[in-house]
Amino acid sequence: MMSTVSIESGCQRKQLMQEQFDKQTLTEHLRELRSCLLISLAAVAGGFGIAYSFIRPISDWFFRPLVRVLPEHTSLIFTSYQEGFFFI
């Protein structure tokens, strides 16, 4: 009985939200779109910041097999300008 009531109220809530969505003006839609885009941009920027803080351990793990087989007293070199930006 309780679950039936919650399902019905959930359906009513969805219908109410759909009616509100249909009644929005163009500027309200654009305002909602802008807020969603800003939240998405903030989430991507935050994820990038967190990932960038781990770039050194990730690059060390990635290059470890290559560094093991390099001769002593040598290092990796970059042959083009872009390669230096792949890993810091």
C-alpha atoms as a PDB file:
ATOM      1  CA  MET A   1       0.000   0.000   0.000  1.00  0.00           C
ATOM      2  CA  MET A   2       2.801   2.418   0.929  1.00  0.00           C
ATOM      3  CA  SER A   3       4.767   1.743  -2.266  1.00  0.00           C
ATOM      4  CA  THR A   4       1.669   2.301  -4.408  1.00  0.00           C
ATOM      5  CA  VAL A   5       1.184   5.714  -2.840  1.00  0.00           C
ATOM      6  CA  SER A   6       4.839   6.672  -3.404  1.00  0.00           C
ATOM      7  CA  ILE A   7       4.681   5.503  -7.028  1.00  0.00           C
ATOM      8  CA  GLU A   8       1.526   7.513  -7.633  1.00  0.00           C
ATOM      9  CA  SER A   9       3.017  10.594  -6.010  1.00  0.00           C
ATOM     10  CA  GLY A  10       6.168  10.074  -8.116  1.00  0.00           C
ATOM     11  CA  CYS A  11       4.067   9.943 -11.297  1.00  0.00           C
ATOM     12  CA  GLN A  12       2.157  13.031 -10.238  1.00  0.00           C
ATOM     13  CA  ARG A  13       5.417  14.792  -9.506  1.00  0.00           C
ATOM     14  CA  LYS A  14       6.739  13.915 -12.990  1.00  0.00           C
ATOM     15  CA  GLN A  15       3.544  15.179 -14.603  1.00  0.00           C
ATOM     16  CA  LEU A  16       3.767  18.415 -12.631  1.00  0.00           C
ATOM     17  CA  MET A  17       7.412  18.886 -13.637  1.00  0.00           C
ATOM     18  CA  GLN A  18       6.522  18.228 -17.293  1.00  0.00           C
ATOM     19  CA  GLU A  19       3.732  20.809 -17.137  1.00  0.00           C
ATOM     20  CA  GLN A  20       6.094  23.343 -15.595  1.00  0.00           C
ATOM     21  CA  PHE A  21       8.669  22.559 -18.287  1.00  0.00           C
ATOM     22  CA  ASP A  22       6.097  23.050 -21.040  1.00  0.00           C
ATOM     23  CA  LYS A  23       5.022  26.415 -19.589  1.00  0.00           C
ATOM     24  CA  GLN A  24       8.542  27.877 -19.467  1.00  0.00           C
ATOM     25  CA  THR A  25       9.345  30.762 -21.747  1.00  0.00           C
ATOM     26  CA  LEU A  26      12.356  30.773 -24.032  1.00  0.00           C
ATOM     27  CA  THR A  27      14.392  32.927 -21.655  1.00  0.00           C
ATOM     28  CA  GLU A  28      13.619  30.564 -18.761  1.00  0.00           C
ATOM     29  CA  HIS A  29      14.806  27.632 -20.866  1.00  0.00           C
ATOM     30  CA  LEU A  30      17.978  29.512 -21.764  1.00  0.00           C
ATOM     31  CA  ARG A  31      18.562  30.466 -18.129  1.00  0.00           C
ATOM     32  CA  GLU A  32      18.220  26.813 -17.092  1.00  0.00           C
ATOM     33  CA  LEU A  33      20.541  25.740 -19.921  1.00  0.00           C
ATOM     34  CA  ARG A  34      23.125  28.315 -18.846  1.00  0.00           C
ATOM     35  CA  SER A  35      23.055  27.102 -15.243  1.00  0.00           C
ATOM     36  CA  CYS A  36      23.433  23.468 -16.368  1.00  0.00           C
ATOM     37  CA  LEU A  37      26.349  24.401 -18.628  1.00  0.00           C
ATOM     38  CA  LEU A  38      28.077  26.331 -15.843  1.00  0.00           C
ATOM     39  CA  ILE A  39      27.691  23.422 -13.427  1.00  0.00           C
ATOM     40  CA  SER A  40      29.066  21.044 -16.078  1.00  0.00           C
ATOM     41  CA  LEU A  41      31.988  23.342 -16.786  1.00  0.00           C
ATOM     42  CA  ALA A  42      32.773  23.607 -13.075  1.00  0.00           C
ATOM     43  CA  ALA A  43      32.656  19.809 -12.749  1.00  0.00           C
ATOM     44  CA  VAL A  44      35.010  19.340 -15.718  1.00  0.00           C
ATOM     45  CA  ALA A  45      37.401  21.986 -14.376  1.00  0.00           C
ATOM     46  CA  GLY A  46      37.357  20.365 -10.933  1.00  0.00           C
ATOM     47  CA  GLY A  47      38.010  16.936 -12.425  1.00  0.00           C
ATOM     48  CA  PHE A  48      40.849  18.336 -14.498  1.00  0.00           C
ATOM     49  CA  GLY A  49      42.373  19.965 -11.405  1.00  0.00           C
ATOM     50  CA  ILE A  50      42.209  16.732  -9.433  1.00  0.00           C
ATOM     51  CA  ALA A  51      43.634  14.692 -12.315  1.00  0.00           C
ATOM     52  CA  TYR A  52      46.399  17.233 -12.915  1.00  0.00           C
ATOM     53  CA  SER A  53      47.516  16.940  -9.303  1.00  0.00           C
ATOM     54  CA  PHE A  54      48.249  13.248  -9.964  1.00  0.00           C
ATOM     55  CA  ILE A  55      50.103  13.743 -13.262  1.00  0.00           C
ATOM     56  CA  ARG A  56      53.560  12.996 -11.843  1.00  0.00           C
ATOM     57  CA  PRO A  57      52.648   9.549 -10.344  1.00  0.00           C
ATOM     58  CA  ILE A  58      50.716   8.663 -13.494  1.00  0.00           C
ATOM     59  CA  SER A  59      53.608   9.597 -15.788  1.00  0.00           C
ATOM     60  CA  ASP A  60      56.101   7.753 -13.574  1.00  0.00           C
ATOM     61  CA  TRP A  61      53.946   4.636 -13.734  1.00  0.00           C
ATOM     62  CA  PHE A  62      53.504   5.006 -17.487  1.00  0.00           C
ATOM     63  CA  PHE A  63      57.204   5.483 -18.276  1.00  0.00           C
ATOM     64  CA  ARG A  64      58.609   3.015 -15.700  1.00  0.00           C
ATOM     65  CA  PRO A  65      59.009   0.090 -18.187  1.00  0.00           C
ATOM     66  CA  LEU A  66      60.768   2.343 -20.680  1.00  0.00           C
ATOM     67  CA  VAL A  67      63.087   3.874 -18.105  1.00  0.00           C
ATOM     68  CA  ARG A  68      64.106   0.382 -16.885  1.00  0.00           C
ATOM     69  CA  VAL A  69      65.495  -0.570 -20.300  1.00  0.00           C
ATOM     70  CA  LEU A  70      67.310   2.719 -20.947  1.00  0.00           C
ATOM     71  CA  PRO A  71      71.093   2.593 -20.648  1.00  0.00           C
ATOM     72  CA  GLU A  72      72.570   4.165 -17.518  1.00  0.00           C
ATOM     73  CA  HIS A  73      73.117   7.925 -17.430  1.00  0.00           C
ATOM     74  CA  THR A  74      70.616   8.537 -20.228  1.00  0.00           C
ATOM     75  CA  SER A  75      67.159  10.056 -20.204  1.00  0.00           C
ATOM     76  CA  LEU A  76      64.142  10.415 -22.408  1.00  0.00           C
ATOM     77  CA  ILE A  77      64.214  13.164 -24.997  1.00  0.00           C
ATOM     78  CA  PHE A  78      61.453  14.856 -26.927  1.00  0.00           C
ATOM     79  CA  THR A  79      61.849  15.166 -30.671  1.00  0.00           C
ATOM     80  CA  SER A  80      59.091  17.706 -31.238  1.00  0.00           C
ATOM     81  CA  TYR A  81      57.643  20.630 -29.339  1.00  0.00           C
ATOM     82  CA  GLN A  82      54.300  18.940 -28.667  1.00  0.00           C
ATOM     83  CA  GLU A  83      55.776  15.871 -26.968  1.00  0.00           C
ATOM     84  CA  GLY A  84      56.890  17.875 -23.949  1.00  0.00           C
ATOM     85  CA  PHE A  85      53.286  18.738 -23.133  1.00  0.00           C
ATOM     86  CA  PHE A  86      52.046  15.164 -22.979  1.00  0.00           C
ATOM     87  CA  PHE A  87      53.621  14.504 -19.576  1.00  0.00           C
ATOM     88  CA  ILE A  88      55.175  16.990 -17.226  1.00  0.00           C
END
